[in-house]
Amino acid sequence: MLVNIVGTGNSIKYCLSDASCEPNIEDKMSNYSVGISNEGTNVVCAVAINDVGVTDKVCETLNLDKTAPTVGSATFTGTLGNNDWCISDVTVNVANGTDNLSGHFSTTSNVSSITTNTTGTTVTITTTDLAGNSSSGNYTIKLDKTVPTTPILTGGSTSWSNSTKTIRVSTESTSTSGIKNYQYYISTSSTTQTGGSWNDLGSGVTSIDVNTPGTSYVYFRAVNNAGSTSITSSSQVTKIDTTQPTIVANGDYYSVNGGCGYWPILNYFTITNNYNDNLSGGSVTCSTDDGQFTEVGNLPRGDNTVTCTITTGAGNKSSATTVINNLGMLCV
């Protein structure tokens, strides 16, 4: 900063200090410029001297502040989710900055609130001192206050199966913050999540393989990067029975006196672990070697090859074959 000293005499004396001083620096010019570079209070005193020695003293106080102020700060009122995302409207609260020389004049924000979903809005805080210097600081606010879209599932079936079922998310959920992952729940209820727990799928995974025996109900929900969770999907049904039934055929001969001969009784087959009624259930069919269904007690005399097959509701099968020798005598 330059201070021009203009006098009407033959010479000028001046002094420069932080308070009123006695001019002691002489310049033989009637006009002179004094440079000021020290921050703070500067006092310039000068006298003009004419030929007869008459003087006139004047002092001026000049304040210099070249340093930018310390910028103020912002705090934000709202609900913080995950990964620095907010999940509700955000209000910007401004705290004043400081200045140790000229003093604080103002601290302002370019944004007072954020109410629309955004992947990044810049909030700038600016502090200005009384000398006109300013400093700024920036904050980035990400807002996603909308829960993800409810997932839509496919792949279930109300029919019994003896293999793994794959449940897929056919329509991906959407979100401003992006989908972090999906969660699934294998439940025992068609109306609520019970009997299990929520489990995370890996990032980008949109299906699961279910091999839980019995009737299960699979639910999905989407979780976004802000931490919000979608409404739970409708359930997909899986009915799985992978149990392989077993059957043991015992062809030992038994008979009772039928009056005029011997007739075999019905204990020729022992069926073990044939099927599980709590799963898909099942049925047993028997036939002779000529393919005709037979009641074991009505087998003709002689050797009879009998095959019995267990078939579960899920299509699992097991068979056993034995020979029953009917030694009953014909009536004459």
Protein backbone atom coordinates (compact mmCIF):
# COMPACT_ATOMS: atom_id res chain seq x y z
CA MET A 1 0.00 0.00 0.00
CA LEU A 2 1.41 3.44 -0.98
CA VAL A 3 0.78 6.64 1.00
CA ASN A 4 1.29 9.82 -0.99
CA ILE A 5 2.59 12.76 1.05
CA VAL A 6 1.96 16.10 -0.66
CA GLY A 7 3.30 19.32 0.83
CA THR A 8 3.46 22.97 -0.20
CA GLY A 9 6.84 23.68 1.31
CA ASN A 10 10.34 23.01 0.10
CA SER A 11 10.80 19.64 1.79
CA ILE A 12 9.03 16.91 3.70
CA LYS A 13 9.88 15.03 6.86
CA TYR A 14 8.00 11.88 7.78
CA CYS A 15 8.03 8.89 10.10
CA LEU A 16 6.33 5.48 9.99
CA SER A 17 5.42 3.57 13.13
CA ASP A 18 2.54 1.80 14.85
CA ALA A 19 1.65 4.96 16.78
CA SER A 20 2.03 8.74 16.48
CA CYS A 21 5.67 9.59 15.91
CA GLU A 22 7.88 12.62 15.35
CA PRO A 23 8.88 12.95 11.67
CA ASN A 24 12.61 12.47 11.32
CA ILE A 25 13.14 11.31 7.77
CA GLU A 26 13.64 14.24 5.42
CA ASP A 27 13.07 14.32 1.70
CA LYS A 28 13.89 17.41 -0.36
CA MET A 29 10.79 16.92 -2.47
CA SER A 30 7.43 18.44 -1.82
CA ASN A 31 5.71 15.20 -2.84
CA TYR A 32 6.71 11.74 -1.64
CA SER A 33 5.23 8.21 -1.50
CA VAL A 34 5.75 5.92 1.46
CA GLY A 35 5.24 2.17 1.01
CA ILE A 36 3.46 0.23 3.78
CA SER A 37 3.75 -3.57 3.92
CA ASN A 38 3.44 -4.44 7.61
CA GLU A 39 0.09 -5.92 8.57
CA GLY A 40 -1.74 -4.31 11.41
CA THR A 41 -1.89 -0.63 12.45
CA ASN A 42 0.48 1.77 10.64
CA VAL A 43 0.76 5.47 11.54
CA VAL A 44 2.37 7.89 9.07
CA CYS A 45 3.23 11.36 10.38
CA ALA A 46 4.63 14.10 8.12
CA VAL A 47 5.55 17.78 8.21
CA ALA A 48 6.05 20.20 5.36
CA ILE A 49 8.86 22.77 5.75
CA ASN A 50 9.06 26.08 3.90
CA ASP A 51 11.93 28.50 3.52
CA VAL A 52 11.28 30.31 6.76
CA GLY A 53 10.99 27.14 8.78
CA VAL A 54 7.26 27.05 9.28
CA THR A 55 5.98 23.54 9.65
CA ASP A 56 2.64 21.79 9.61
CA LYS A 57 2.34 18.25 11.02
CA VAL A 58 -0.30 15.70 10.06
CA CYS A 59 -0.71 11.99 11.04
CA GLU A 60 -2.75 9.31 9.35
CA THR A 61 -3.57 5.86 10.73
CA LEU A 62 -3.72 3.07 8.12
CA ASN A 63 -4.74 -0.55 8.86
CA LEU A 64 -3.38 -3.28 6.62
CA ASP A 65 -4.70 -6.86 6.50
CA LYS A 66 -3.30 -9.04 3.72
CA THR A 67 -4.09 -12.42 5.32
CA ALA A 68 -7.18 -14.39 4.39
CA PRO A 69 -9.42 -15.26 7.33
CA THR A 70 -9.86 -18.72 8.76
CA VAL A 71 -12.85 -20.18 6.96
CA GLY A 72 -15.92 -21.14 8.94
CA SER A 73 -17.38 -24.63 9.05
CA ALA A 74 -20.60 -26.44 8.27
CA THR A 75 -22.49 -29.09 10.14
CA PHE A 76 -25.42 -30.96 8.69
CA THR A 77 -28.73 -31.88 10.25
CA GLY A 78 -30.23 -35.08 8.84
CA THR A 79 -30.03 -38.85 9.09
CA LEU A 80 -26.72 -40.37 8.06
CA GLY A 81 -26.84 -43.78 6.43
CA ASN A 82 -23.92 -45.89 5.26
CA ASN A 83 -20.90 -44.98 3.13
CA ASP A 84 -21.30 -41.22 3.78
CA TRP A 85 -24.81 -41.17 2.28
CA CYS A 86 -27.61 -39.23 3.93
CA ILE A 87 -31.07 -40.79 3.88
CA SER A 88 -33.21 -37.79 4.85
CA ASP A 89 -33.44 -34.08 3.95
CA VAL A 90 -30.28 -32.20 4.94
CA THR A 91 -30.10 -28.76 6.55
CA VAL A 92 -26.79 -26.84 6.37
CA ASN A 93 -25.71 -25.17 9.64
CA VAL A 94 -22.97 -22.52 9.32
CA ALA A 95 -20.39 -21.66 12.01
CA ASN A 96 -18.54 -18.34 11.61
CA GLY A 97 -14.88 -18.20 10.70
CA THR A 98 -12.31 -15.97 12.42
CA ASP A 99 -9.87 -13.19 11.54
CA ASN A 100 -7.23 -11.88 13.95
CA LEU A 101 -6.51 -8.60 12.12
CA SER A 102 -9.35 -6.71 10.53
CA GLY A 103 -11.95 -9.00 12.08
CA HIS A 104 -14.73 -11.23 10.85
CA PHE A 105 -17.29 -9.75 8.48
CA SER A 106 -19.44 -12.66 7.28
CA THR A 107 -19.61 -16.44 6.81
CA THR A 108 -22.10 -17.77 4.27
CA SER A 109 -23.08 -20.99 2.50
CA ASN A 110 -24.11 -21.35 -1.11
CA VAL A 111 -26.66 -24.01 -0.09
CA SER A 112 -29.07 -23.88 2.85
CA SER A 113 -30.65 -27.32 2.45
CA ILE A 114 -30.66 -30.39 0.23
CA THR A 115 -33.98 -32.12 -0.35
CA THR A 116 -33.49 -33.91 -3.68
CA ASN A 117 -31.60 -37.17 -4.19
CA THR A 118 -28.11 -36.45 -5.45
CA THR A 119 -24.89 -38.36 -6.06
CA GLY A 120 -22.94 -35.32 -4.88
CA THR A 121 -23.87 -31.69 -4.17
CA THR A 122 -21.03 -29.29 -3.30
CA VAL A 123 -21.65 -27.06 -0.29
CA THR A 124 -19.25 -24.09 -0.22
CA ILE A 125 -18.65 -22.12 2.99
CA THR A 126 -17.10 -18.65 2.45
CA THR A 127 -15.72 -16.40 5.19
CA THR A 128 -14.91 -12.71 4.47
CA ASP A 129 -13.00 -10.35 6.78
CA LEU A 130 -13.47 -6.60 7.19
CA ALA A 131 -10.60 -5.94 4.80
CA GLY A 132 -12.33 -7.87 2.04
CA ASN A 133 -10.12 -11.00 2.14
CA SER A 134 -12.01 -14.28 1.85
CA SER A 135 -11.48 -18.02 2.29
CA SER A 136 -13.65 -20.94 1.21
CA GLY A 137 -14.11 -24.59 2.10
CA ASN A 138 -16.12 -27.28 0.33
CA TYR A 139 -18.21 -30.25 1.51
CA THR A 140 -19.81 -32.90 -0.68
CA ILE A 141 -23.24 -34.19 0.34
CA LYS A 142 -24.74 -37.39 -1.11
CA LEU A 143 -28.46 -37.93 -0.56
CA ASP A 144 -30.59 -41.00 -1.24
CA LYS A 145 -33.82 -40.94 0.75
CA THR A 146 -35.69 -43.41 -1.49
CA VAL A 147 -35.70 -47.10 -0.57
CA PRO A 148 -34.78 -49.51 -3.39
CA THR A 149 -37.43 -51.06 -5.61
CA THR A 150 -38.86 -54.32 -4.30
CA PRO A 151 -37.17 -57.28 -6.07
CA ILE A 152 -39.24 -59.54 -8.32
CA LEU A 153 -38.42 -63.25 -8.06
CA THR A 154 -38.76 -66.24 -10.37
CA GLY A 155 -37.78 -69.88 -10.19
CA GLY A 156 -40.07 -71.28 -7.53
CA SER A 157 -42.56 -74.12 -8.01
CA THR A 158 -45.48 -75.63 -6.13
CA SER A 159 -44.59 -79.07 -7.55
CA TRP A 160 -42.28 -81.41 -5.72
CA SER A 161 -38.74 -81.67 -7.05
CA ASN A 162 -35.88 -84.00 -6.24
CA SER A 163 -33.19 -81.46 -7.22
CA THR A 164 -31.96 -78.00 -6.27
CA LYS A 165 -34.15 -75.03 -7.22
CA THR A 166 -32.62 -71.73 -8.38
CA ILE A 167 -34.42 -68.54 -7.31
CA ARG A 168 -33.51 -65.46 -9.39
CA VAL A 169 -34.08 -61.73 -9.17
CA SER A 170 -35.58 -61.09 -12.59
CA THR A 171 -35.94 -57.31 -12.22
CA GLU A 172 -33.10 -55.55 -10.45
CA SER A 173 -33.91 -52.90 -7.90
CA THR A 174 -32.87 -49.31 -8.60
CA SER A 175 -31.45 -46.67 -6.28
CA THR A 176 -29.65 -43.31 -6.51
CA SER A 177 -26.84 -44.66 -4.33
CA GLY A 178 -26.78 -47.97 -6.23
CA ILE A 179 -27.60 -51.48 -5.05
CA LYS A 180 -25.01 -52.85 -2.65
CA ASN A 181 -26.37 -56.39 -2.52
CA TYR A 182 -29.46 -58.56 -2.06
CA GLN A 183 -30.49 -60.49 1.02
CA TYR A 184 -32.55 -63.67 1.14
CA TYR A 185 -34.57 -65.46 3.79
CA ILE A 186 -35.66 -69.12 3.63
CA SER A 187 -38.83 -69.27 5.70
CA THR A 188 -41.30 -71.87 6.85
CA SER A 189 -44.17 -69.44 6.33
CA SER A 190 -45.81 -68.15 3.17
CA THR A 191 -46.74 -64.83 4.81
CA THR A 192 -43.81 -63.83 7.02
CA GLN A 193 -40.13 -64.47 7.64
CA THR A 194 -39.86 -67.10 10.33
CA GLY A 195 -37.74 -70.11 11.12
CA GLY A 196 -34.56 -68.71 9.52
CA SER A 197 -32.53 -65.53 9.17
CA TRP A 198 -31.59 -62.91 6.59
CA ASN A 199 -28.43 -63.75 4.67
CA ASP A 200 -26.30 -61.55 2.44
CA LEU A 201 -25.57 -62.35 -1.18
CA GLY A 202 -22.29 -61.20 -2.65
CA SER A 203 -22.09 -57.98 -4.63
CA GLY A 204 -23.63 -58.46 -8.07
CA VAL A 205 -25.14 -61.89 -7.20
CA THR A 206 -28.81 -62.11 -8.17
CA SER A 207 -29.75 -65.75 -7.50
CA ILE A 208 -29.52 -68.52 -4.92
CA ASP A 209 -29.72 -72.31 -5.10
CA VAL A 210 -32.14 -73.83 -2.58
CA ASN A 211 -31.84 -77.46 -1.54
CA THR A 212 -33.61 -77.29 1.81
CA PRO A 213 -35.81 -80.42 2.19
CA GLY A 214 -39.54 -79.85 2.50
CA THR A 215 -41.67 -76.86 1.63
CA SER A 216 -39.83 -73.57 1.90
CA TYR A 217 -40.71 -69.96 1.11
CA VAL A 218 -37.91 -67.78 -0.21
CA TYR A 219 -37.96 -63.99 0.23
CA PHE A 220 -35.60 -61.35 -1.14
CA ARG A 221 -34.91 -57.73 -0.33
CA ALA A 222 -32.50 -55.18 -1.81
CA VAL A 223 -30.03 -53.10 0.20
CA ASN A 224 -28.60 -49.91 -1.32
CA ASN A 225 -25.24 -48.30 -0.59
CA ALA A 226 -26.92 -45.78 1.69
CA GLY A 227 -28.08 -48.62 3.94
CA SER A 228 -31.80 -48.47 3.10
CA THR A 229 -33.66 -51.74 2.61
CA SER A 230 -36.46 -52.37 0.14
CA ILE A 231 -39.87 -53.80 0.91
CA THR A 232 -39.56 -57.58 1.09
CA SER A 233 -40.55 -59.44 -2.05
CA SER A 234 -43.41 -61.89 -2.33
CA SER A 235 -42.27 -65.42 -1.56
CA GLN A 236 -41.20 -68.08 -4.03
CA VAL A 237 -42.14 -71.64 -3.06
CA THR A 238 -39.70 -74.53 -3.23
CA LYS A 239 -40.81 -78.10 -2.53
CA ILE A 240 -37.79 -80.38 -2.41
CA ASP A 241 -37.52 -84.07 -1.51
CA THR A 242 -34.20 -85.68 -2.34
CA THR A 243 -34.65 -88.66 0.00
CA GLN A 244 -34.11 -91.91 -1.87
CA PRO A 245 -36.59 -94.51 -0.58
CA THR A 246 -35.43 -98.07 0.10
CA ILE A 247 -37.38 -101.30 -0.15
CA VAL A 248 -36.44 -104.79 1.02
CA ALA A 249 -38.24 -107.81 -0.50
CA ASN A 250 -38.40 -111.00 1.51
CA GLY A 251 -39.72 -114.05 -0.40
CA ASP A 252 -39.76 -116.55 2.45
CA TYR A 253 -42.76 -118.87 2.22
CA TYR A 254 -45.56 -118.70 4.77
CA SER A 255 -48.87 -120.54 4.59
CA VAL A 256 -51.97 -121.31 6.53
CA ASN A 257 -54.39 -124.19 6.31
CA GLY A 258 -57.09 -123.04 3.93
CA GLY A 259 -59.35 -126.02 4.47
CA CYS A 260 -58.52 -128.05 1.37
CA GLY A 261 -55.09 -126.62 0.66
CA TYR A 262 -52.45 -124.10 1.59
CA TRP A 263 -52.69 -120.42 0.75
CA PRO A 264 -49.83 -117.97 1.17
CA ILE A 265 -50.35 -115.15 3.64
CA LEU A 266 -49.48 -111.48 3.05
CA ASN A 267 -46.09 -111.09 4.83
CA TYR A 268 -43.80 -111.56 1.87
CA PHE A 269 -42.44 -108.02 1.58
CA THR A 270 -40.76 -105.89 4.19
CA ILE A 271 -40.65 -102.22 3.14
CA THR A 272 -38.06 -100.07 4.96
CA ASN A 273 -37.79 -96.21 4.81
CA ASN A 274 -40.16 -96.28 1.93
CA TYR A 275 -40.96 -92.56 1.85
CA ASN A 276 -41.48 -89.56 4.07
CA ASP A 277 -45.06 -88.41 4.45
CA ASN A 278 -43.75 -85.13 5.86
CA LEU A 279 -42.10 -84.45 2.50
CA SER A 280 -43.49 -85.47 -0.87
CA GLY A 281 -45.10 -88.74 0.35
CA GLY A 282 -45.21 -91.75 -1.95
CA SER A 283 -46.89 -94.93 -3.00
CA VAL A 284 -46.01 -98.61 -3.48
CA THR A 285 -47.06 -100.68 -6.49
CA CYS A 286 -46.39 -104.39 -7.06
CA SER A 287 -46.64 -106.55 -10.14
CA THR A 288 -45.83 -110.07 -11.22
CA ASP A 289 -43.39 -110.91 -13.96
CA ASP A 290 -46.19 -110.89 -16.52
CA GLY A 291 -46.87 -107.23 -15.68
CA GLN A 292 -50.22 -107.79 -14.03
CA PHE A 293 -50.96 -106.26 -10.67
CA THR A 294 -51.51 -108.88 -8.05
CA GLU A 295 -52.66 -109.21 -4.52
CA VAL A 296 -49.90 -111.24 -2.95
CA GLY A 297 -52.39 -113.51 -1.23
CA ASN A 298 -53.86 -114.52 -4.58
CA LEU A 299 -50.67 -115.68 -6.23
CA PRO A 300 -51.05 -118.92 -8.18
CA ARG A 301 -49.23 -122.09 -7.20
CA GLY A 302 -45.56 -122.33 -8.07
CA ASP A 303 -42.81 -119.75 -8.36
CA ASN A 304 -43.96 -116.16 -8.75
CA THR A 305 -41.55 -113.27 -9.46
CA VAL A 306 -42.91 -110.18 -7.80
CA THR A 307 -41.47 -106.64 -8.10
CA CYS A 308 -42.52 -103.81 -5.81
CA THR A 309 -41.61 -100.17 -6.52
CA ILE A 310 -41.75 -97.17 -4.21
CA THR A 311 -42.25 -93.80 -5.96
CA THR A 312 -42.18 -90.55 -3.98
CA GLY A 313 -44.15 -87.47 -4.92
CA ALA A 314 -40.86 -85.91 -6.04
CA GLY A 315 -40.15 -88.78 -8.43
CA ASN A 316 -37.56 -90.70 -6.41
CA LYS A 317 -37.87 -94.46 -7.00
CA SER A 318 -36.59 -97.72 -5.55
CA SER A 319 -37.56 -101.29 -6.50
CA ALA A 320 -37.05 -104.78 -5.11
CA THR A 321 -37.77 -108.16 -6.65
CA THR A 322 -38.22 -111.54 -5.03
CA VAL A 323 -39.57 -114.97 -5.89
CA ILE A 324 -42.54 -116.31 -3.89
CA ASN A 325 -43.12 -120.04 -4.10
CA ASN A 326 -46.76 -120.93 -3.43
CA LEU A 327 -46.91 -124.56 -2.35
CA GLY A 328 -50.64 -124.55 -1.70
CA MET A 329 -52.51 -127.71 -2.76
CA LEU A 330 -55.46 -127.77 -5.08
CA CYS A 331 -58.78 -129.10 -3.81
CA VAL A 332 -59.86 -132.36 -5.57
